[in-house]
Amino acid sequence: MKAAYKPLDKAKIYLITGAAGFIGYFLAKRLLEQGCRVIGIDNINDYYDVKLKYARLEQLTSFEQFTFLKEDIADKSVIMQTFAAYKPDIAVNLAAQAGVRYSIENPDAYMQSNVIGFYNILEACRHNPVTHLIYASSSSVYGANKKVPFSEADFVDNPVSLYAATKKSNELMAYTYSQLYRIPATGLRFFTVYGPMGRPDMAYFGFTQQYFAGKPICIFNNGDFAHDLYRDFTYIDDIVEGMVRLIGYFPAGVNRTPHQVFNIGNNNPVRLMVFINTLEKCLSKAAGRPVVFEKIFEPIKAGDVAATFASVESLQQAVGFKPTTSIETGLQSFANWYCEYYSVGQSQE
């Protein structure tokens, strides 16, 4: 099946939930820089430091074409009113309670945001038709699958965390609404997204914070370097490029409304210890002095998987793009941002 990839239409209205979040911010910024009108929704919850969320928002609000609504997608009446008032052409749902480990401690937050919230978005798209709904899924849906690389056609019915279960539920819900109400919908399975202005709960960010606080880092791989964890680390700019291309993606010659799922990953998994060593080197360069983490090795946490590895053939066939940013380039960008944003390193020498 051949696909049609259309450049962004500046005449359309783009609604992004989770606009103050990591991916939502970078996507909104990219669309605004290209002259698009963006409606951003975020409840600014305190899962991590809200100062970082407001720092992202501050950059977005400098664009005249940006409108921000501090609302929760779990509130159906607000979401329905928002869609009716702004009539978005493209809806991108990135609002979700993130984190695999946190889902074990606080399951309620995941059900409210990831399931009920997404249901509300689907209902809004049903009653206020959009030309395309794009929503965030996750590589976590693959669970403990042994076959690599992970393909969109793989069996994904055995999630190992509630977070993964909610993302699988999103895919099923979107498929059903797509077929029943002819909503063009595309799910994106993100693979370990990282970069500047990222989420502090992610390992690379937490390691960096621990180091500059003079504390050791905990590595959950049992200290077993021979069987280290692998992750398909994907730089934020690659994620956004794939998303922008998929916004304008519609299968040609299809009479039914499609629902499709795509992996967006680097297609090049890296050992966790290699990633950590690379982060040390990048921070050393950014800080202007040697950075070596004090490491404590602990057992693998419940809900973690041994490896993630994305097949991106479907993405490349659809929109002619695959992520290519190396961890050296991506982590250096993060390290430079971190040292500047938190005023650490060379400025304190």
C-alpha atoms as a PDB file:
ATOM      1  CA  MET A   1       0.000   0.000   0.000  1.00  0.00           C
ATOM      2  CA  LYS A   2       1.467   3.333  -1.041  1.00  0.00           C
ATOM      3  CA  ALA A   3       1.209   6.232   1.331  1.00  0.00           C
ATOM      4  CA  ALA A   4       0.673   9.932   0.879  1.00  0.00           C
ATOM      5  CA  TYR A   5       2.796  12.217   3.029  1.00  0.00           C
ATOM      6  CA  LYS A   6       1.561  15.796   3.063  1.00  0.00           C
ATOM      7  CA  PRO A   7       3.465  18.756   4.489  1.00  0.00           C
ATOM      8  CA  LEU A   8       1.896  20.548   7.446  1.00  0.00           C
ATOM      9  CA  ASP A   9      -1.147  22.631   6.587  1.00  0.00           C
ATOM     10  CA  LYS A  10      -0.794  26.020   8.288  1.00  0.00           C
ATOM     11  CA  ALA A  11      -4.499  26.701   7.810  1.00  0.00           C
ATOM     12  CA  LYS A  12      -5.428  23.874  10.170  1.00  0.00           C
ATOM     13  CA  ILE A  13      -5.767  24.039  13.939  1.00  0.00           C
ATOM     14  CA  TYR A  14      -3.613  21.635  15.953  1.00  0.00           C
ATOM     15  CA  LEU A  15      -4.670  20.628  19.463  1.00  0.00           C
ATOM     16  CA  ILE A  16      -1.991  19.057  21.659  1.00  0.00           C
ATOM     17  CA  THR A  17      -2.713  17.593  25.079  1.00  0.00           C
ATOM     18  CA  GLY A  18       0.250  17.371  27.439  1.00  0.00           C
ATOM     19  CA  ALA A  19       1.647  20.519  25.816  1.00  0.00           C
ATOM     20  CA  ALA A  20       3.784  21.357  28.857  1.00  0.00           C
ATOM     21  CA  GLY A  21       5.250  17.857  28.845  1.00  0.00           C
ATOM     22  CA  PHE A  22       8.533  16.818  27.267  1.00  0.00           C
ATOM     23  CA  ILE A  23       7.311  15.550  23.888  1.00  0.00           C
ATOM     24  CA  GLY A  24       4.277  17.841  23.795  1.00  0.00           C
ATOM     25  CA  TYR A  25       6.445  20.939  24.255  1.00  0.00           C
ATOM     26  CA  PHE A  26       8.865  20.051  21.475  1.00  0.00           C
ATOM     27  CA  LEU A  27       6.067  19.125  19.069  1.00  0.00           C
ATOM     28  CA  ALA A  28       4.154  22.330  19.816  1.00  0.00           C
ATOM     29  CA  LYS A  29       7.322  24.386  19.367  1.00  0.00           C
ATOM     30  CA  ARG A  30       8.017  22.754  16.009  1.00  0.00           C
ATOM     31  CA  LEU A  31       4.475  23.414  14.760  1.00  0.00           C
ATOM     32  CA  LEU A  32       4.512  27.011  15.998  1.00  0.00           C
ATOM     33  CA  GLU A  33       7.868  27.674  14.349  1.00  0.00           C
ATOM     34  CA  GLN A  34       6.295  26.571  11.090  1.00  0.00           C
ATOM     35  CA  GLY A  35       3.455  29.049  11.484  1.00  0.00           C
ATOM     36  CA  CYS A  36       0.723  26.679  12.659  1.00  0.00           C
ATOM     37  CA  ARG A  37      -1.958  27.537  15.210  1.00  0.00           C
ATOM     38  CA  VAL A  38      -1.684  25.350  18.311  1.00  0.00           C
ATOM     39  CA  ILE A  39      -4.108  24.857  21.192  1.00  0.00           C
ATOM     40  CA  GLY A  40      -2.221  23.374  24.150  1.00  0.00           C
ATOM     41  CA  ILE A  41      -3.836  21.566  27.087  1.00  0.00           C
ATOM     42  CA  ASP A  42      -2.051  20.475  30.260  1.00  0.00           C
ATOM     43  CA  ASN A  43      -3.065  20.133  33.908  1.00  0.00           C
ATOM     44  CA  ILE A  44       0.513  20.831  35.118  1.00  0.00           C
ATOM     45  CA  ASN A  45       0.435  17.981  37.631  1.00  0.00           C
ATOM     46  CA  ASP A  46       3.248  17.611  40.155  1.00  0.00           C
ATOM     47  CA  TYR A  47       4.525  14.191  39.080  1.00  0.00           C
ATOM     48  CA  TYR A  48       7.818  16.007  38.611  1.00  0.00           C
ATOM     49  CA  ASP A  49       9.046  19.570  39.169  1.00  0.00           C
ATOM     50  CA  VAL A  50       6.433  21.931  37.734  1.00  0.00           C
ATOM     51  CA  LYS A  51       9.087  24.636  37.281  1.00  0.00           C
ATOM     52  CA  LEU A  52      10.369  22.713  34.274  1.00  0.00           C
ATOM     53  CA  LYS A  53       6.851  22.516  32.831  1.00  0.00           C
ATOM     54  CA  TYR A  54       6.372  26.241  33.262  1.00  0.00           C
ATOM     55  CA  ALA A  55       9.787  26.872  31.684  1.00  0.00           C
ATOM     56  CA  ARG A  56       8.623  24.966  28.614  1.00  0.00           C
ATOM     57  CA  LEU A  57       5.321  26.843  28.578  1.00  0.00           C
ATOM     58  CA  GLU A  58       7.084  30.184  28.829  1.00  0.00           C
ATOM     59  CA  GLN A  59       8.790  29.513  25.527  1.00  0.00           C
ATOM     60  CA  LEU A  60       5.538  28.445  23.855  1.00  0.00           C
ATOM     61  CA  THR A  61       3.502  31.420  25.052  1.00  0.00           C
ATOM     62  CA  SER A  62       5.875  33.767  23.226  1.00  0.00           C
ATOM     63  CA  PHE A  63       4.188  32.621  19.995  1.00  0.00           C
ATOM     64  CA  GLU A  64       1.035  34.535  19.042  1.00  0.00           C
ATOM     65  CA  GLN A  65      -0.427  31.409  17.460  1.00  0.00           C
ATOM     66  CA  PHE A  66      -0.352  29.488  20.762  1.00  0.00           C
ATOM     67  CA  THR A  67      -3.308  29.233  23.130  1.00  0.00           C
ATOM     68  CA  PHE A  68      -2.853  27.452  26.454  1.00  0.00           C
ATOM     69  CA  LEU A  69      -5.594  25.904  28.587  1.00  0.00           C
ATOM     70  CA  LYS A  70      -4.747  24.621  32.054  1.00  0.00           C
ATOM     71  CA  GLU A  71      -7.208  21.733  32.092  1.00  0.00           C
ATOM     72  CA  ASP A  72      -7.343  18.000  32.814  1.00  0.00           C
ATOM     73  CA  ILE A  73      -8.333  15.592  30.042  1.00  0.00           C
ATOM     74  CA  ALA A  74     -10.048  13.453  32.684  1.00  0.00           C
ATOM     75  CA  ASP A  75     -12.727  16.177  32.879  1.00  0.00           C
ATOM     76  CA  LYS A  76     -15.044  15.197  30.018  1.00  0.00           C
ATOM     77  CA  SER A  77     -17.172  18.346  30.009  1.00  0.00           C
ATOM     78  CA  VAL A  78     -14.095  20.567  29.678  1.00  0.00           C
ATOM     79  CA  ILE A  79     -12.667  18.500  26.835  1.00  0.00           C
ATOM     80  CA  MET A  80     -15.969  18.445  24.964  1.00  0.00           C
ATOM     81  CA  GLN A  81     -16.321  22.221  25.366  1.00  0.00           C
ATOM     82  CA  THR A  82     -12.739  22.771  24.200  1.00  0.00           C
ATOM     83  CA  PHE A  83     -13.203  20.754  21.016  1.00  0.00           C
ATOM     84  CA  ALA A  84     -16.521  22.469  20.310  1.00  0.00           C
ATOM     85  CA  ALA A  85     -15.039  25.928  20.841  1.00  0.00           C
ATOM     86  CA  TYR A  86     -11.754  25.579  18.960  1.00  0.00           C
ATOM     87  CA  LYS A  87     -12.753  22.938  16.364  1.00  0.00           C
ATOM     88  CA  PRO A  88      -9.284  21.416  15.931  1.00  0.00           C
ATOM     89  CA  ASP A  89      -8.480  19.714  12.647  1.00  0.00           C
ATOM     90  CA  ILE A  90      -5.655  17.624  14.133  1.00  0.00           C
ATOM     91  CA  ALA A  91      -5.694  16.256  17.684  1.00  0.00           C
ATOM     92  CA  VAL A  92      -2.497  14.948  19.265  1.00  0.00           C
ATOM     93  CA  ASN A  93      -2.994  13.237  22.622  1.00  0.00           C
ATOM     94  CA  LEU A  94       0.244  13.211  24.590  1.00  0.00           C
ATOM     95  CA  ALA A  95      -1.265  13.823  28.033  1.00  0.00           C
ATOM     96  CA  ALA A  96      -0.768  10.757  30.202  1.00  0.00           C
ATOM     97  CA  GLN A  97       0.533   9.661  33.535  1.00  0.00           C
ATOM     98  CA  ALA A  98       4.005   8.469  32.633  1.00  0.00           C
ATOM     99  CA  GLY A  99       6.407   6.064  34.299  1.00  0.00           C
ATOM    100  CA  VAL A 100       6.454   2.279  34.572  1.00  0.00           C
ATOM    101  CA  ARG A 101       7.564   2.067  38.213  1.00  0.00           C
ATOM    102  CA  TYR A 102       5.217   4.788  39.463  1.00  0.00           C
ATOM    103  CA  SER A 103       2.250   2.831  38.086  1.00  0.00           C
ATOM    104  CA  ILE A 104       2.927   0.177  40.720  1.00  0.00           C
ATOM    105  CA  GLU A 105       2.689   2.756  43.517  1.00  0.00           C
ATOM    106  CA  ASN A 106      -0.162   4.931  42.264  1.00  0.00           C
ATOM    107  CA  PRO A 107      -2.449   3.061  39.840  1.00  0.00           C
ATOM    108  CA  ASP A 108      -5.345   5.507  40.226  1.00  0.00           C
ATOM    109  CA  ALA A 109      -3.468   8.251  38.387  1.00  0.00           C
ATOM    110  CA  TYR A 110      -2.977   5.969  35.389  1.00  0.00           C
ATOM    111  CA  MET A 111      -6.610   4.962  35.130  1.00  0.00           C
ATOM    112  CA  GLN A 112      -7.807   8.578  35.374  1.00  0.00           C
ATOM    113  CA  SER A 113      -5.431  10.080  32.809  1.00  0.00           C
ATOM    114  CA  ASN A 114      -4.490   7.222  30.517  1.00  0.00           C
ATOM    115  CA  VAL A 115      -7.843   5.446  30.260  1.00  0.00           C
ATOM    116  CA  ILE A 116     -10.640   7.846  31.205  1.00  0.00           C
ATOM    117  CA  GLY A 117      -8.775  10.841  29.805  1.00  0.00           C
ATOM    118  CA  PHE A 118      -8.137   9.121  26.492  1.00  0.00           C
ATOM    119  CA  TYR A 119     -11.765   7.978  26.320  1.00  0.00           C
ATOM    120  CA  ASN A 120     -12.767  11.630  26.651  1.00  0.00           C
ATOM    121  CA  ILE A 121     -10.467  12.580  23.772  1.00  0.00           C
ATOM    122  CA  LEU A 122     -12.020   9.858  21.614  1.00  0.00           C
ATOM    123  CA  GLU A 123     -15.519  11.046  22.481  1.00  0.00           C
ATOM    124  CA  ALA A 124     -14.540  14.614  21.617  1.00  0.00           C
ATOM    125  CA  CYS A 125     -13.185  13.460  18.250  1.00  0.00           C
ATOM    126  CA  ARG A 126     -16.378  11.501  17.671  1.00  0.00           C
ATOM    127  CA  HIS A 127     -18.664  14.494  18.228  1.00  0.00           C
ATOM    128  CA  ASN A 128     -16.277  17.071  16.744  1.00  0.00           C
ATOM    129  CA  PRO A 129     -14.704  15.231  13.786  1.00  0.00           C
ATOM    130  CA  VAL A 130     -10.980  15.681  13.206  1.00  0.00           C
ATOM    131  CA  THR A 131      -9.017  14.837  10.084  1.00  0.00           C
ATOM    132  CA  HIS A 132      -6.442  12.940  12.146  1.00  0.00           C
ATOM    133  CA  LEU A 133      -6.045  11.796  15.755  1.00  0.00           C
ATOM    134  CA  ILE A 134      -2.516  10.951  16.814  1.00  0.00           C
ATOM    135  CA  TYR A 135      -1.942   9.496  20.251  1.00  0.00           C
ATOM    136  CA  ALA A 136       0.960   8.286  22.369  1.00  0.00           C
ATOM    137  CA  SER A 137       1.380   4.599  22.976  1.00  0.00           C
ATOM    138  CA  SER A 138       4.624   3.101  24.275  1.00  0.00           C
ATOM    139  CA  SER A 139       7.270   0.469  23.651  1.00  0.00           C
ATOM    140  CA  SER A 140       6.207  -0.944  27.029  1.00  0.00           C
ATOM    141  CA  VAL A 141       3.284  -2.704  25.305  1.00  0.00           C
ATOM    142  CA  TYR A 142       5.791  -5.282  24.048  1.00  0.00           C
ATOM    143  CA  GLY A 143       6.302  -6.451  27.627  1.00  0.00           C
ATOM    144  CA  ALA A 144       8.893  -9.173  28.000  1.00  0.00           C
ATOM    145  CA  ASN A 145       8.799 -10.209  24.325  1.00  0.00           C
ATOM    146  CA  LYS A 146      11.963 -12.102  23.434  1.00  0.00           C
ATOM    147  CA  LYS A 147      11.810 -11.598  19.662  1.00  0.00           C
ATOM    148  CA  VAL A 148      13.732  -8.522  18.557  1.00  0.00           C
ATOM    149  CA  PRO A 149      13.471  -6.073  16.975  1.00  0.00           C
ATOM    150  CA  PHE A 150       9.913  -5.398  18.150  1.00  0.00           C
ATOM    151  CA  SER A 151       7.516  -5.172  15.234  1.00  0.00           C
ATOM    152  CA  GLU A 152       4.076  -3.587  15.164  1.00  0.00           C
ATOM    153  CA  ALA A 153       2.685  -6.990  14.174  1.00  0.00           C
ATOM    154  CA  ASP A 154       4.033  -8.709  17.304  1.00  0.00           C
ATOM    155  CA  PHE A 155       1.788 -10.179  20.005  1.00  0.00           C
ATOM    156  CA  VAL A 156       1.349  -7.578  22.766  1.00  0.00           C
ATOM    157  CA  ASP A 157      -1.227  -9.096  25.107  1.00  0.00           C
ATOM    158  CA  ASN A 158       1.047  -9.695  28.104  1.00  0.00           C
ATOM    159  CA  PRO A 159       1.938  -6.295  29.625  1.00  0.00           C
ATOM    160  CA  VAL A 160       4.237  -6.409  32.655  1.00  0.00           C
ATOM    161  CA  SER A 161       3.095  -3.100  34.187  1.00  0.00           C
ATOM    162  CA  LEU A 162      -0.156  -1.205  34.602  1.00  0.00           C
ATOM    163  CA  TYR A 163       1.330   1.625  32.550  1.00  0.00           C
ATOM    164  CA  ALA A 164       1.831  -0.781  29.657  1.00  0.00           C
ATOM    165  CA  ALA A 165      -1.699  -2.136  30.113  1.00  0.00           C
ATOM    166  CA  THR A 166      -3.160   1.368  29.838  1.00  0.00           C
ATOM    167  CA  LYS A 167      -1.229   2.015  26.640  1.00  0.00           C
ATOM    168  CA  LYS A 168      -2.400  -1.263  25.116  1.00  0.00           C
ATOM    169  CA  SER A 169      -5.937  -0.275  26.155  1.00  0.00           C
ATOM    170  CA  ASN A 170      -5.490   3.020  24.310  1.00  0.00           C
ATOM    171  CA  GLU A 171      -4.652   1.169  21.120  1.00  0.00           C
ATOM    172  CA  LEU A 172      -7.728  -1.047  21.432  1.00  0.00           C
ATOM    173  CA  MET A 173      -9.983   1.909  22.215  1.00  0.00           C
ATOM    174  CA  ALA A 174      -8.630   3.935  19.295  1.00  0.00           C
ATOM    175  CA  TYR A 175      -9.049   1.018  16.905  1.00  0.00           C
ATOM    176  CA  THR A 176     -12.664   0.574  17.954  1.00  0.00           C
ATOM    177  CA  TYR A 177     -13.528   4.270  17.643  1.00  0.00           C
ATOM    178  CA  SER A 178     -11.733   4.442  14.316  1.00  0.00           C
ATOM    179  CA  GLN A 179     -13.895   1.644  12.907  1.00  0.00           C
ATOM    180  CA  LEU A 180     -17.203   2.671  14.514  1.00  0.00           C
ATOM    181  CA  TYR A 181     -17.010   6.424  13.976  1.00  0.00           C
ATOM    182  CA  ARG A 182     -14.556   6.697  11.079  1.00  0.00           C
ATOM    183  CA  ILE A 183     -11.905   8.591  13.020  1.00  0.00           C
ATOM    184  CA  PRO A 184      -8.502   8.482  11.285  1.00  0.00           C
ATOM    185  CA  ALA A 185      -6.228   7.469  14.165  1.00  0.00           C
ATOM    186  CA  THR A 186      -2.519   6.725  14.492  1.00  0.00           C
ATOM    187  CA  GLY A 187      -0.839   5.309  17.595  1.00  0.00           C
ATOM    188  CA  LEU A 188       2.856   5.925  18.250  1.00  0.00           C
ATOM    189  CA  ARG A 189       4.930   3.477  20.251  1.00  0.00           C
ATOM    190  CA  PHE A 190       7.731   5.642  21.641  1.00  0.00           C
ATOM    191  CA  PHE A 191      11.041   4.052  22.644  1.00  0.00           C
ATOM    192  CA  THR A 192      12.874   5.668  25.630  1.00  0.00           C
ATOM    193  CA  VAL A 193      12.764   9.311  24.596  1.00  0.00           C
ATOM    194  CA  TYR A 194      15.547  11.555  25.922  1.00  0.00           C
ATOM    195  CA  GLY A 195      17.043  14.992  25.384  1.00  0.00           C
ATOM    196  CA  PRO A 196      17.244  18.547  26.782  1.00  0.00           C
ATOM    197  CA  MET A 197      14.288  19.732  28.897  1.00  0.00           C
ATOM    198  CA  GLY A 198      13.391  16.063  29.367  1.00  0.00           C
ATOM    199  CA  ARG A 199      11.577  14.340  32.222  1.00  0.00           C
ATOM    200  CA  PRO A 200      13.460  14.307  35.544  1.00  0.00           C
ATOM    201  CA  ASP A 201      12.053  10.850  36.334  1.00  0.00           C
ATOM    202  CA  MET A 202      13.986   9.328  33.436  1.00  0.00           C
ATOM    203  CA  ALA A 203      17.219   7.559  34.397  1.00  0.00           C
ATOM    204  CA  TYR A 204      19.696   9.762  32.510  1.00  0.00           C
ATOM    205  CA  PHE A 205      18.198  12.904  34.078  1.00  0.00           C
ATOM    206  CA  GLY A 206      18.072  11.369  37.543  1.00  0.00           C
ATOM    207  CA  PHE A 207      21.670  10.158  37.295  1.00  0.00           C
ATOM    208  CA  THR A 208      22.772  13.676  36.431  1.00  0.00           C
ATOM    209  CA  GLN A 209      20.852  15.217  39.322  1.00  0.00           C
ATOM    210  CA  GLN A 210      22.273  12.684  41.756  1.00  0.00           C
ATOM    211  CA  TYR A 211      25.829  13.368  40.644  1.00  0.00           C
ATOM    212  CA  PHE A 212      25.611  17.141  41.055  1.00  0.00           C
ATOM    213  CA  ALA A 213      23.944  16.618  44.436  1.00  0.00           C
ATOM    214  CA  GLY A 214      26.973  14.568  45.506  1.00  0.00           C
ATOM    215  CA  LYS A 215      25.011  11.333  45.714  1.00  0.00           C
ATOM    216  CA  PRO A 216      25.552   7.871  44.183  1.00  0.00           C
ATOM    217  CA  ILE A 217      23.326   6.544  41.409  1.00  0.00           C
ATOM    218  CA  CYS A 218      21.373   3.294  41.620  1.00  0.00           C
ATOM    219  CA  ILE A 219      21.558   1.039  38.565  1.00  0.00           C
ATOM    220  CA  PHE A 220      18.930  -1.678  38.426  1.00  0.00           C
ATOM    221  CA  ASN A 221      20.732  -4.363  36.433  1.00  0.00           C
ATOM    222  CA  ASN A 222      22.089  -6.606  39.218  1.00  0.00           C
ATOM    223  CA  GLY A 223      25.584  -5.456  38.270  1.00  0.00           C
ATOM    224  CA  ASP A 224      25.507  -8.157  35.593  1.00  0.00           C
ATOM    225  CA  PHE A 225      27.453  -6.536  32.773  1.00  0.00           C
ATOM    226  CA  ALA A 226      27.466  -9.710  30.688  1.00  0.00           C
ATOM    227  CA  HIS A 227      23.662  -9.611  30.566  1.00  0.00           C
ATOM    228  CA  ASP A 228      23.121  -5.867  30.806  1.00  0.00           C
ATOM    229  CA  LEU A 229      19.827  -4.180  30.004  1.00  0.00           C
ATOM    230  CA  TYR A 230      19.435  -2.808  26.483  1.00  0.00           C
ATOM    231  CA  ARG A 231      17.394   0.250  25.562  1.00  0.00           C
ATOM    232  CA  ASP A 232      16.514   1.796  22.211  1.00  0.00           C
ATOM    233  CA  PHE A 233      17.230   5.378  23.303  1.00  0.00           C
ATOM    234  CA  THR A 234      15.528   7.838  20.923  1.00  0.00           C
ATOM    235  CA  TYR A 235      16.439  11.513  20.744  1.00  0.00           C
ATOM    236  CA  ILE A 236      13.584  14.018  21.041  1.00  0.00           C
ATOM    237  CA  ASP A 237      14.237  15.696  17.669  1.00  0.00           C
ATOM    238  CA  ASP A 238      13.841  12.328  15.922  1.00  0.00           C
ATOM    239  CA  ILE A 239      10.577  11.705  17.749  1.00  0.00           C
ATOM    240  CA  VAL A 240       9.205  15.084  16.676  1.00  0.00           C
ATOM    241  CA  GLU A 241      10.329  14.661  13.071  1.00  0.00           C
ATOM    242  CA  GLY A 242       8.533  11.328  12.862  1.00  0.00           C
ATOM    243  CA  MET A 243       5.401  12.812  14.424  1.00  0.00           C
ATOM    244  CA  VAL A 244       5.309  15.833  12.118  1.00  0.00           C
ATOM    245  CA  ARG A 245       5.564  13.568   9.109  1.00  0.00           C
ATOM    246  CA  LEU A 246       2.883  11.235  10.410  1.00  0.00           C
ATOM    247  CA  ILE A 247       0.486  14.129  11.021  1.00  0.00           C
ATOM    248  CA  GLY A 248       0.238  14.483   7.262  1.00  0.00           C
ATOM    249  CA  TYR A 249       0.227  10.753   6.568  1.00  0.00           C
ATOM    250  CA  PHE A 250      -2.843   9.124   5.053  1.00  0.00           C
ATOM    251  CA  PRO A 251      -2.882   5.771   3.208  1.00  0.00           C
ATOM    252  CA  ALA A 252      -3.822   6.350  -0.412  1.00  0.00           C
ATOM    253  CA  GLY A 253      -6.594   4.437  -2.146  1.00  0.00           C
ATOM    254  CA  VAL A 254      -8.298   3.306   1.069  1.00  0.00           C
ATOM    255  CA  ASN A 255     -12.057   3.710   1.368  1.00  0.00           C
ATOM    256  CA  ARG A 256     -12.280   2.864   5.056  1.00  0.00           C
ATOM    257  CA  THR A 257     -11.009   4.963   7.916  1.00  0.00           C
ATOM    258  CA  PRO A 258      -7.627   3.598   8.970  1.00  0.00           C
ATOM    259  CA  HIS A 259      -6.173   2.947  12.382  1.00  0.00           C
ATOM    260  CA  GLN A 260      -2.474   2.225  12.398  1.00  0.00           C
ATOM    261  CA  VAL A 261       0.312   1.910  14.921  1.00  0.00           C
ATOM    262  CA  PHE A 262       3.953   2.860  14.336  1.00  0.00           C
ATOM    263  CA  ASN A 263       7.134   2.326  16.314  1.00  0.00           C
ATOM    264  CA  ILE A 264       9.310   5.408  16.705  1.00  0.00           C
ATOM    265  CA  GLY A 265      12.652   4.228  18.009  1.00  0.00           C
ATOM    266  CA  ASN A 266      16.324   4.550  17.182  1.00  0.00           C
ATOM    267  CA  ASN A 267      16.540   0.987  15.829  1.00  0.00           C
ATOM    268  CA  ASN A 268      19.910   0.688  17.569  1.00  0.00           C
ATOM    269  CA  PRO A 269      19.684  -0.527  21.175  1.00  0.00           C
ATOM    270  CA  VAL A 270      22.505   0.394  23.547  1.00  0.00           C
ATOM    271  CA  ARG A 271      23.675  -1.354  26.710  1.00  0.00           C
ATOM    272  CA  LEU A 272      22.676   0.564  29.804  1.00  0.00           C
ATOM    273  CA  MET A 273      26.290   0.752  31.021  1.00  0.00           C
ATOM    274  CA  VAL A 274      27.470   2.103  27.661  1.00  0.00           C
ATOM    275  CA  PHE A 275      24.769   4.758  27.893  1.00  0.00           C
ATOM    276  CA  ILE A 276      25.896   5.679  31.422  1.00  0.00           C
ATOM    277  CA  ASN A 277      29.558   5.854  30.435  1.00  0.00           C
ATOM    278  CA  THR A 278      28.650   8.064  27.472  1.00  0.00           C
ATOM    279  CA  LEU A 279      26.634  10.337  29.768  1.00  0.00           C
ATOM    280  CA  GLU A 280      29.669  10.693  32.058  1.00  0.00           C
ATOM    281  CA  LYS A 281      31.824  11.772  29.091  1.00  0.00           C
ATOM    282  CA  CYS A 282      29.240  14.258  27.841  1.00  0.00           C
ATOM    283  CA  LEU A 283      28.766  15.775  31.296  1.00  0.00           C
ATOM    284  CA  SER A 284      32.537  16.014  31.699  1.00  0.00           C
ATOM    285  CA  LYS A 285      32.736  18.048  28.515  1.00  0.00           C
ATOM    286  CA  ALA A 286      29.788  20.264  29.444  1.00  0.00           C
ATOM    287  CA  ALA A 287      30.942  20.820  33.046  1.00  0.00           C
ATOM    288  CA  GLY A 288      34.593  21.345  32.162  1.00  0.00           C
ATOM    289  CA  ARG A 289      35.818  18.728  34.626  1.00  0.00           C
ATOM    290  CA  PRO A 290      35.807  14.936  34.935  1.00  0.00           C
ATOM    291  CA  VAL A 291      32.442  13.465  35.862  1.00  0.00           C
ATOM    292  CA  VAL A 292      32.386   9.914  37.231  1.00  0.00           C
ATOM    293  CA  PHE A 293      29.269   8.529  38.883  1.00  0.00           C
ATOM    294  CA  GLU A 294      29.455   6.620  42.141  1.00  0.00           C
ATOM    295  CA  LYS A 295      27.475   3.518  41.244  1.00  0.00           C
ATOM    296  CA  ILE A 296      25.315   1.211  43.346  1.00  0.00           C
ATOM    297  CA  PHE A 297      23.979  -1.886  41.609  1.00  0.00           C
ATOM    298  CA  GLU A 298      20.612  -3.279  42.600  1.00  0.00           C
ATOM    299  CA  PRO A 299      18.178  -5.941  41.311  1.00  0.00           C
ATOM    300  CA  ILE A 300      16.001  -5.205  38.296  1.00  0.00           C
ATOM    301  CA  LYS A 301      12.791  -3.430  39.317  1.00  0.00           C
ATOM    302  CA  ALA A 302       9.335  -4.949  38.864  1.00  0.00           C
ATOM    303  CA  GLY A 303       7.860  -3.900  35.545  1.00  0.00           C
ATOM    304  CA  ASP A 304      11.238  -3.358  33.846  1.00  0.00           C
ATOM    305  CA  VAL A 305      12.104  -5.395  30.770  1.00  0.00           C
ATOM    306  CA  ALA A 306      15.488  -6.701  29.665  1.00  0.00           C
ATOM    307  CA  ALA A 307      15.560  -5.047  26.245  1.00  0.00           C
ATOM    308  CA  THR A 308      13.712  -2.690  23.933  1.00  0.00           C
ATOM    309  CA  PHE A 309      14.504  -2.639  20.226  1.00  0.00           C
ATOM    310  CA  ALA A 310      12.305  -0.987  17.609  1.00  0.00           C
ATOM    311  CA  SER A 311      11.715  -2.137  14.071  1.00  0.00           C
ATOM    312  CA  VAL A 312      11.077   1.077  12.136  1.00  0.00           C
ATOM    313  CA  GLU A 313      10.456  -0.376   8.683  1.00  0.00           C
ATOM    314  CA  SER A 314       6.777   0.627   8.759  1.00  0.00           C
ATOM    315  CA  LEU A 315       7.637   4.202   9.699  1.00  0.00           C
ATOM    316  CA  GLN A 316      10.257   4.461   6.988  1.00  0.00           C
ATOM    317  CA  GLN A 317       7.941   3.042   4.336  1.00  0.00           C
ATOM    318  CA  ALA A 318       5.127   5.371   5.360  1.00  0.00           C
ATOM    319  CA  VAL A 319       6.944   8.698   5.614  1.00  0.00           C
ATOM    320  CA  GLY A 320      10.517   8.098   4.445  1.00  0.00           C
ATOM    321  CA  PHE A 321      12.124   8.693   7.829  1.00  0.00           C
ATOM    322  CA  LYS A 322      13.903   6.758  10.560  1.00  0.00           C
ATOM    323  CA  PRO A 323      15.621   8.125  13.689  1.00  0.00           C
ATOM    324  CA  THR A 324      19.395   8.454  13.319  1.00  0.00           C
ATOM    325  CA  THR A 325      20.703  10.631  16.181  1.00  0.00           C
ATOM    326  CA  SER A 326      23.534   8.884  18.036  1.00  0.00           C
ATOM    327  CA  ILE A 327      23.590   8.727  21.837  1.00  0.00           C
ATOM    328  CA  GLU A 328      26.846  10.728  21.783  1.00  0.00           C
ATOM    329  CA  THR A 329      25.151  13.607  19.962  1.00  0.00           C
ATOM    330  CA  GLY A 330      21.902  13.386  21.918  1.00  0.00           C
ATOM    331  CA  LEU A 331      23.466  13.117  25.357  1.00  0.00           C
ATOM    332  CA  GLN A 332      25.877  15.975  24.645  1.00  0.00           C
ATOM    333  CA  SER A 333      22.899  18.154  23.815  1.00  0.00           C
ATOM    334  CA  PHE A 334      21.244  17.159  27.083  1.00  0.00           C
ATOM    335  CA  ALA A 335      24.415  17.675  29.108  1.00  0.00           C
ATOM    336  CA  ASN A 336      24.981  21.151  27.654  1.00  0.00           C
ATOM    337  CA  TRP A 337      21.393  22.144  28.412  1.00  0.00           C
ATOM    338  CA  TYR A 338      21.478  20.720  31.945  1.00  0.00           C
ATOM    339  CA  CYS A 339      24.641  22.513  32.959  1.00  0.00           C
ATOM    340  CA  GLU A 340      23.331  25.808  31.604  1.00  0.00           C
ATOM    341  CA  TYR A 341      19.778  25.467  32.961  1.00  0.00           C
ATOM    342  CA  TYR A 342      20.877  24.452  36.462  1.00  0.00           C
ATOM    343  CA  SER A 343      23.994  26.678  36.456  1.00  0.00           C
ATOM    344  CA  VAL A 344      26.452  23.896  37.233  1.00  0.00           C
ATOM    345  CA  GLY A 345      29.865  23.050  35.888  1.00  0.00           C
ATOM    346  CA  GLN A 346      32.134  25.571  34.236  1.00  0.00           C
ATOM    347  CA  SER A 347      30.288  28.625  35.563  1.00  0.00           C
ATOM    348  CA  GLN A 348      31.146  27.519  39.101  1.00  0.00           C
ATOM    349  CA  GLU A 349      34.792  26.841  38.497  1.00  0.00           C
END
